C-alpha atoms as a PDB file:
ATOM      1  CA  MET A   1     -69.216  49.487 -38.474  1.00  0.00           C
ATOM      2  CA  ALA A   2     -71.626  48.267 -35.481  1.00  0.00           C
ATOM      3  CA  LYS A   3     -73.356  46.014 -38.053  1.00  0.00           C
ATOM      4  CA  THR A   4     -69.794  44.439 -39.551  1.00  0.00           C
ATOM      5  CA  LYS A   5     -68.819  43.914 -35.583  1.00  0.00           C
ATOM      6  CA  ASP A   6     -72.278  42.437 -34.934  1.00  0.00           C
ATOM      7  CA  LEU A   7     -72.160  39.908 -37.961  1.00  0.00           C
ATOM      8  CA  ASN A   8     -68.535  38.905 -37.065  1.00  0.00           C
ATOM      9  CA  GLN A   9     -69.575  38.199 -33.644  1.00  0.00           C
ATOM     10  CA  ARG A  10     -72.084  35.874 -35.018  1.00  0.00           C
ATOM     11  CA  LEU A  11     -69.913  34.058 -37.461  1.00  0.00           C
ATOM     12  CA  TYR A  12     -67.286  33.696 -34.837  1.00  0.00           C
ATOM     13  CA  TYR A  13     -70.053  31.873 -32.622  1.00  0.00           C
ATOM     14  CA  LEU A  14     -71.360  29.988 -35.451  1.00  0.00           C
ATOM     15  CA  GLY A  15     -68.025  28.277 -36.195  1.00  0.00           C
ATOM     16  CA  LEU A  16     -67.437  27.525 -32.517  1.00  0.00           C
ATOM     17  CA  SER A  17     -70.884  26.031 -32.036  1.00  0.00           C
ATOM     18  CA  LEU A  18     -70.404  23.913 -35.159  1.00  0.00           C
ATOM     19  CA  ILE A  19     -67.025  22.424 -33.378  1.00  0.00           C
ATOM     20  CA  ILE A  20     -68.618  21.983 -29.975  1.00  0.00           C
ATOM     21  CA  ASN A  21     -71.789  20.334 -31.513  1.00  0.00           C
ATOM     22  CA  SER A  22     -69.802  17.874 -33.796  1.00  0.00           C
ATOM     23  CA  ALA A  23     -67.547  17.157 -30.687  1.00  0.00           C
ATOM     24  CA  GLY A  24     -70.379  16.550 -28.602  1.00  0.00           C
ATOM     25  CA  ASN A  25     -72.206  14.360 -30.554  1.00  0.00           C
ATOM     26  CA  ALA A  26     -69.125  12.076 -31.536  1.00  0.00           C
ATOM     27  CA  LEU A  27     -68.570  11.970 -27.820  1.00  0.00           C
ATOM     28  CA  ALA A  28     -71.908  10.562 -27.031  1.00  0.00           C
ATOM     29  CA  ILE A  29     -72.069   8.175 -29.695  1.00  0.00           C
ATOM     30  CA  SER A  30     -68.614   7.028 -28.877  1.00  0.00           C
ATOM     31  CA  THR A  31     -69.536   6.193 -25.441  1.00  0.00           C
ATOM     32  CA  ASN A  32     -71.958   3.545 -26.950  1.00  0.00           C
ATOM     33  CA  LEU A  33     -74.513   4.483 -24.376  1.00  0.00           C
ATOM     34  CA  GLY A  34     -77.309   6.395 -26.273  1.00  0.00           C
ATOM     35  CA  SER A  35     -76.912   9.342 -28.662  1.00  0.00           C
ATOM     36  CA  ALA A  36     -79.218  12.459 -28.965  1.00  0.00           C
ATOM     37  CA  VAL A  37     -82.851  11.577 -30.304  1.00  0.00           C
ATOM     38  CA  TRP A  38     -82.734  12.554 -33.667  1.00  0.00           C
ATOM     39  CA  THR A  39     -79.365  10.672 -34.251  1.00  0.00           C
ATOM     40  CA  ALA A  40     -80.806   7.461 -32.612  1.00  0.00           C
ATOM     41  CA  SER A  41     -83.746   7.680 -34.862  1.00  0.00           C
ATOM     42  CA  ALA A  42     -81.459   8.008 -38.061  1.00  0.00           C
ATOM     43  CA  VAL A  43     -79.555   4.970 -36.894  1.00  0.00           C
ATOM     44  CA  ASN A  44     -82.777   2.945 -36.384  1.00  0.00           C
ATOM     45  CA  LEU A  45     -84.194   3.863 -39.618  1.00  0.00           C
ATOM     46  CA  SER A  46     -80.689   3.238 -41.442  1.00  0.00           C
ATOM     47  CA  ASN A  47     -80.728  -0.252 -39.901  1.00  0.00           C
ATOM     48  CA  LEU A  48     -84.279  -0.835 -40.869  1.00  0.00           C
ATOM     49  CA  THR A  49     -84.035   0.328 -44.534  1.00  0.00           C
ATOM     50  CA  ALA A  50     -80.150  -0.907 -45.022  1.00  0.00           C
ATOM     51  CA  VAL A  51     -79.693   2.623 -46.331  1.00  0.00           C
ATOM     52  CA  SER A  52     -76.186   4.193 -45.176  1.00  0.00           C
ATOM     53  CA  LEU A  53     -76.328   6.296 -42.065  1.00  0.00           C
ATOM     54  CA  GLY A  54     -74.976   9.244 -43.973  1.00  0.00           C
ATOM     55  CA  THR A  55     -77.398   9.058 -46.519  1.00  0.00           C
ATOM     56  CA  THR A  56     -80.239   8.672 -43.912  1.00  0.00           C
ATOM     57  CA  LEU A  57     -79.066  11.826 -42.270  1.00  0.00           C
ATOM     58  CA  PHE A  58     -78.920  13.665 -45.539  1.00  0.00           C
ATOM     59  CA  ILE A  59     -82.515  12.587 -46.368  1.00  0.00           C
ATOM     60  CA  TYR A  60     -83.765  13.523 -42.940  1.00  0.00           C
ATOM     61  CA  GLY A  61     -82.107  17.080 -43.426  1.00  0.00           C
ATOM     62  CA  VAL A  62     -84.177  17.497 -46.461  1.00  0.00           C
ATOM     63  CA  VAL A  63     -87.264  16.363 -45.134  1.00  0.00           C
ATOM     64  CA  VAL A  64     -86.989  18.440 -41.993  1.00  0.00           C
ATOM     65  CA  THR A  65     -85.792  21.475 -44.009  1.00  0.00           C
ATOM     66  CA  LEU A  66     -89.071  21.052 -46.117  1.00  0.00           C
ATOM     67  CA  LEU A  67     -91.009  20.831 -42.771  1.00  0.00           C
ATOM     68  CA  ASN A  68     -89.575  24.025 -41.814  1.00  0.00           C
ATOM     69  CA  GLN A  69     -90.711  25.975 -44.731  1.00  0.00           C
ATOM     70  CA  LEU A  70     -94.091  24.469 -44.157  1.00  0.00           C
ATOM     71  CA  LEU A  71     -94.062  25.779 -40.558  1.00  0.00           C
ATOM     72  CA  LEU A  72     -92.662  29.230 -41.544  1.00  0.00           C
ATOM     73  CA  GLY A  73     -95.808  29.515 -44.008  1.00  0.00           C
ATOM     74  CA  THR A  74     -93.562  30.985 -46.290  1.00  0.00           C
ATOM     75  CA  PHE A  75     -90.625  29.992 -48.579  1.00  0.00           C
ATOM     76  CA  ASP A  76     -87.432  31.569 -46.934  1.00  0.00           C
ATOM     77  CA  ARG A  77     -84.698  31.024 -49.480  1.00  0.00           C
ATOM     78  CA  ARG A  78     -81.889  31.910 -47.049  1.00  0.00           C
ATOM     79  CA  ARG A  79     -83.200  29.517 -44.380  1.00  0.00           C
ATOM     80  CA  PHE A  80     -83.815  26.764 -47.082  1.00  0.00           C
ATOM     81  CA  PHE A  81     -80.169  26.666 -48.487  1.00  0.00           C
ATOM     82  CA  SER A  82     -78.635  27.328 -45.020  1.00  0.00           C
ATOM     83  CA  ASN A  83     -80.268  24.340 -43.405  1.00  0.00           C
ATOM     84  CA  LEU A  84     -78.751  22.079 -46.231  1.00  0.00           C
ATOM     85  CA  ILE A  85     -75.461  23.644 -46.225  1.00  0.00           C
ATOM     86  CA  PHE A  86     -74.762  23.087 -42.549  1.00  0.00           C
ATOM     87  CA  THR A  87     -75.023  19.442 -42.766  1.00  0.00           C
ATOM     88  CA  VAL A  88     -71.828  19.106 -44.812  1.00  0.00           C
ATOM     89  CA  PRO A  89     -69.293  20.232 -42.376  1.00  0.00           C
ATOM     90  CA  PHE A  90     -71.335  18.927 -39.514  1.00  0.00           C
ATOM     91  CA  SER A  91     -71.158  15.578 -40.925  1.00  0.00           C
ATOM     92  CA  TYR A  92     -67.316  15.451 -41.577  1.00  0.00           C
ATOM     93  CA  LEU A  93     -66.325  17.045 -38.319  1.00  0.00           C
ATOM     94  CA  ILE A  94     -68.630  14.397 -36.414  1.00  0.00           C
ATOM     95  CA  ALA A  95     -66.585  11.622 -38.162  1.00  0.00           C
ATOM     96  CA  LEU A  96     -63.249  13.382 -37.540  1.00  0.00           C
ATOM     97  CA  PHE A  97     -64.008  13.738 -33.883  1.00  0.00           C
ATOM     98  CA  GLN A  98     -65.293  10.325 -33.613  1.00  0.00           C
ATOM     99  CA  PHE A  99     -62.305   8.831 -35.029  1.00  0.00           C
ATOM    100  CA  ILE A 100     -59.958  10.791 -32.545  1.00  0.00           C
ATOM    101  CA  PHE A 101     -62.456   9.624 -29.530  1.00  0.00           C
ATOM    102  CA  LYS A 102     -61.952   6.160 -30.811  1.00  0.00           C
ATOM    103  CA  GLU A 103     -58.253   6.531 -30.992  1.00  0.00           C
ATOM    104  CA  LEU A 104     -58.410   7.812 -27.231  1.00  0.00           C
ATOM    105  CA  GLY A 105     -60.330   4.696 -26.369  1.00  0.00           C
ATOM    106  CA  VAL A 106     -63.417   6.061 -25.397  1.00  0.00           C
ATOM    107  CA  PRO A 107     -65.630   3.133 -26.025  1.00  0.00           C
ATOM    108  CA  THR A 108     -63.575   0.938 -23.897  1.00  0.00           C
ATOM    109  CA  TYR A 109     -63.417   3.322 -20.716  1.00  0.00           C
ATOM    110  CA  ASP A 110     -65.423   2.129 -17.670  1.00  0.00           C
ATOM    111  CA  PHE A 111     -68.944   2.271 -17.436  1.00  0.00           C
ATOM    112  CA  ALA A 112     -69.184   5.086 -14.904  1.00  0.00           C
ATOM    113  CA  ILE A 113     -66.611   7.088 -17.134  1.00  0.00           C
ATOM    114  CA  ARG A 114     -68.693   6.682 -20.273  1.00  0.00           C
ATOM    115  CA  ILE A 115     -71.896   7.899 -18.374  1.00  0.00           C
ATOM    116  CA  CYS A 116     -70.154  11.005 -17.420  1.00  0.00           C
ATOM    117  CA  LEU A 117     -68.846  11.485 -20.885  1.00  0.00           C
ATOM    118  CA  ASP A 118     -71.965  10.843 -22.488  1.00  0.00           C
ATOM    119  CA  VAL A 119     -73.770  13.555 -20.267  1.00  0.00           C
ATOM    120  CA  LEU A 120     -70.849  15.986 -21.108  1.00  0.00           C
ATOM    121  CA  GLY A 121     -71.129  15.338 -25.032  1.00  0.00           C
ATOM    122  CA  LEU A 122     -75.150  16.047 -24.709  1.00  0.00           C
ATOM    123  CA  PHE A 123     -74.539  19.322 -22.676  1.00  0.00           C
ATOM    124  CA  MET A 124     -72.156  20.305 -25.371  1.00  0.00           C
ATOM    125  CA  VAL A 125     -74.724  19.544 -27.770  1.00  0.00           C
ATOM    126  CA  ALA A 126     -77.191  21.821 -25.925  1.00  0.00           C
ATOM    127  CA  VAL A 127     -74.488  24.917 -25.243  1.00  0.00           C
ATOM    128  CA  ALA A 128     -73.877  24.540 -29.153  1.00  0.00           C
ATOM    129  CA  VAL A 129     -77.537  24.827 -30.284  1.00  0.00           C
ATOM    130  CA  SER A 130     -78.114  27.809 -28.105  1.00  0.00           C
ATOM    131  CA  LEU A 131     -75.098  29.287 -29.687  1.00  0.00           C
ATOM    132  CA  TYR A 132     -76.051  28.997 -33.158  1.00  0.00           C
ATOM    133  CA  SER A 133     -79.454  29.551 -32.515  1.00  0.00           C
ATOM    134  CA  ARG A 134     -78.845  32.818 -31.122  1.00  0.00           C
ATOM    135  CA  ALA A 135     -76.477  33.800 -33.966  1.00  0.00           C
ATOM    136  CA  ASN A 136     -79.249  32.471 -36.428  1.00  0.00           C
ATOM    137  CA  LEU A 137     -76.889  32.384 -39.466  1.00  0.00           C
ATOM    138  CA  PHE A 138     -76.826  28.698 -40.263  1.00  0.00           C
ATOM    139  CA  MET A 139     -78.498  25.827 -38.464  1.00  0.00           C
ATOM    140  CA  HIS A 140     -79.028  22.406 -38.702  1.00  0.00           C
ATOM    141  CA  PRO A 141     -82.534  21.540 -39.981  1.00  0.00           C
ATOM    142  CA  ASN A 142     -83.578  19.783 -36.780  1.00  0.00           C
ATOM    143  CA  ASP A 143     -82.275  22.551 -34.508  1.00  0.00           C
ATOM    144  CA  ASP A 144     -83.980  25.100 -36.680  1.00  0.00           C
ATOM    145  CA  LEU A 145     -87.155  23.135 -36.422  1.00  0.00           C
ATOM    146  CA  THR A 146     -87.084  23.505 -32.583  1.00  0.00           C
ATOM    147  CA  TYR A 147     -86.157  27.334 -33.063  1.00  0.00           C
ATOM    148  CA  ILE A 148     -89.329  27.972 -35.318  1.00  0.00           C
ATOM    149  CA  ILE A 149     -91.603  26.153 -33.004  1.00  0.00           C
ATOM    150  CA  ARG A 150     -90.055  27.853 -29.874  1.00  0.00           C
ATOM    151  CA  PHE A 151     -90.184  31.333 -31.410  1.00  0.00           C
ATOM    152  CA  LYS A 152     -93.261  31.091 -33.747  1.00  0.00           C
ATOM    153  CA  TYR A 153     -95.554  28.898 -31.793  1.00  0.00           C
ATOM    154  CA  ILE A 154     -94.840  28.726 -27.901  1.00  0.00           C
ATOM    155  CA  HIS A 155     -93.474  32.042 -27.203  1.00  0.00           C
ATOM    156  CA  GLY A 156     -89.892  31.039 -26.693  1.00  0.00           C
ATOM    157  CA  ASN A 157     -90.088  28.116 -24.183  1.00  0.00           C
ATOM    158  CA  PRO A 158     -87.057  26.414 -24.985  1.00  0.00           C
ATOM    159  CA  VAL A 159     -88.132  23.096 -22.874  1.00  0.00           C
ATOM    160  CA  LEU A 160     -91.270  22.725 -24.497  1.00  0.00           C
ATOM    161  CA  SER A 161     -90.265  23.571 -27.982  1.00  0.00           C
ATOM    162  CA  GLN A 162     -87.394  20.766 -27.808  1.00  0.00           C
ATOM    163  CA  TRP A 163     -90.123  18.171 -26.713  1.00  0.00           C
ATOM    164  CA  VAL A 164     -92.243  19.016 -29.651  1.00  0.00           C
ATOM    165  CA  SER A 165     -89.675  18.789 -31.982  1.00  0.00           C
ATOM    166  CA  TYR A 166     -88.596  15.446 -30.568  1.00  0.00           C
ATOM    167  CA  LEU A 167     -92.195  13.899 -31.746  1.00  0.00           C
ATOM    168  CA  PRO A 168     -90.947  12.982 -35.423  1.00  0.00           C
ATOM    169  CA  PRO A 169     -87.798  11.174 -34.245  1.00  0.00           C
ATOM    170  CA  VAL A 170     -89.418   9.299 -31.314  1.00  0.00           C
ATOM    171  CA  LEU A 171     -92.246   8.127 -33.591  1.00  0.00           C
ATOM    172  CA  VAL A 172     -89.651   6.843 -35.946  1.00  0.00           C
ATOM    173  CA  ILE A 173     -87.868   4.993 -33.301  1.00  0.00           C
ATOM    174  CA  LEU A 174     -91.023   3.607 -32.197  1.00  0.00           C
ATOM    175  CA  THR A 175     -92.113   2.674 -35.648  1.00  0.00           C
ATOM    176  CA  CYS A 176     -88.704   0.834 -36.117  1.00  0.00           C
ATOM    177  CA  TYR A 177     -89.077  -1.100 -33.086  1.00  0.00           C
ATOM    178  CA  TRP A 178     -92.474  -2.360 -34.116  1.00  0.00           C
ATOM    179  CA  LEU A 179     -91.296  -3.237 -37.384  1.00  0.00           C
ATOM    180  CA  ALA A 180     -87.766  -4.821 -36.457  1.00  0.00           C
ATOM    181  CA  GLY A 181     -88.421  -5.926 -32.922  1.00  0.00           C
ATOM    182  CA  LYS A 182     -85.400  -4.104 -31.675  1.00  0.00           C
ATOM    183  CA  THR A 183     -83.770  -0.604 -31.326  1.00  0.00           C
ATOM    184  CA  TYR A 184     -80.261   0.731 -31.964  1.00  0.00           C
ATOM    185  CA  ALA A 185     -78.312   3.402 -30.404  1.00  0.00           C
ATOM    186  CA  VAL A 186     -80.836   4.155 -27.841  1.00  0.00           C
ATOM    187  CA  GLY A 187     -79.988   4.038 -24.165  1.00  0.00           C
ATOM    188  CA  PHE A 188     -79.310   6.238 -21.355  1.00  0.00           C
ATOM    189  CA  GLY A 189     -77.951   9.383 -23.292  1.00  0.00           C
ATOM    190  CA  THR A 190     -81.083   9.078 -25.597  1.00  0.00           C
ATOM    191  CA  ILE A 191     -83.716   9.218 -22.391  1.00  0.00           C
ATOM    192  CA  PHE A 192     -81.576  11.841 -21.204  1.00  0.00           C
ATOM    193  CA  ALA A 193     -81.482  14.105 -24.133  1.00  0.00           C
ATOM    194  CA  LEU A 194     -85.143  13.650 -24.366  1.00  0.00           C
ATOM    195  CA  LEU A 195     -85.627  14.857 -20.710  1.00  0.00           C
ATOM    196  CA  PHE A 196     -83.234  17.578 -20.334  1.00  0.00           C
ATOM    197  CA  GLN A 197     -81.889  18.952 -23.694  1.00  0.00           C
ATOM    198  CA  GLY A 198     -84.214  21.515 -23.655  1.00  0.00           C
ATOM    199  CA  ALA A 199     -83.607  22.810 -20.245  1.00  0.00           C
ATOM    200  CA  MET A 200     -79.911  22.466 -20.819  1.00  0.00           C
ATOM    201  CA  MET A 201     -80.270  24.589 -24.080  1.00  0.00           C
ATOM    202  CA  GLY A 202     -82.304  27.404 -21.877  1.00  0.00           C
ATOM    203  CA  TRP A 203     -79.722  27.335 -19.139  1.00  0.00           C
ATOM    204  CA  ALA A 204     -76.916  28.061 -21.884  1.00  0.00           C
ATOM    205  CA  ASP A 205     -79.002  30.811 -23.287  1.00  0.00           C
ATOM    206  CA  THR A 206     -78.647  33.030 -20.215  1.00  0.00           C
ATOM    207  CA  HIS A 207     -75.141  31.382 -18.867  1.00  0.00           C
ATOM    208  CA  ALA A 208     -73.000  30.300 -21.628  1.00  0.00           C
ATOM    209  CA  PHE A 209     -71.186  33.225 -23.712  1.00  0.00           C
ATOM    210  CA  THR A 210     -73.677  35.631 -22.581  1.00  0.00           C
ATOM    211  CA  LYS A 211     -72.297  38.261 -25.004  1.00  0.00           C
ATOM    212  CA  LEU A 212     -73.998  36.703 -27.759  1.00  0.00           C
ATOM    213  CA  LYS A 213     -77.975  37.553 -28.152  1.00  0.00           C
ATOM    214  CA  HIS A 214     -80.683  36.005 -29.830  1.00  0.00           C
ATOM    215  CA  HIS A 215     -81.214  37.440 -33.508  1.00  0.00           C
ATOM    216  CA  ILE A 216     -84.700  36.580 -34.180  1.00  0.00           C
ATOM    217  CA  ASP A 217     -86.000  36.820 -37.800  1.00  0.00           C
ATOM    218  CA  LEU A 218     -89.651  35.343 -37.662  1.00  0.00           C
END
């Protein structure tokens, strides 16, 4: 009975985190002031290669999923397939919320309001990542990369693990800039996420939905 209750709790917070994460990402994108680091790098790569953003994000997911397996040092079948499965509803929900925010006129709001909404969106993403990291059932490959680095390599430090996991997308952005001479979707929000996403996630671990504890399986 206790195990069933625990699983139900984890599933509930997984679903909640998926909605919060998708809405937060869509809100940050809708402000046109810079999105999260991984999203920004995917936009730049998409523009450089003329491959659709959706396909670019899917390829990202596959590549990072394989990287996660390498970092684990062994093939984790559950983790492998859950990483890939997570991206499907996540992508559709982002599209839905982005449509809603566009209809609400978010891209046309005053600059100061959009700054606040951009920060709010990125904060929502941090809270969501904290939730499904703690539930540890399904995670986006990018966030699972942070999770693996955090608990397998750097003793649970949320800030340092976030910075280390941002190295690949930052390198992609810099490479795209070097090749194309300009960047896309990089702005205030991107810098804010780069500097504070890990700290916000660490805050959420201890202050947001505290009934949910970390389920570490590394």
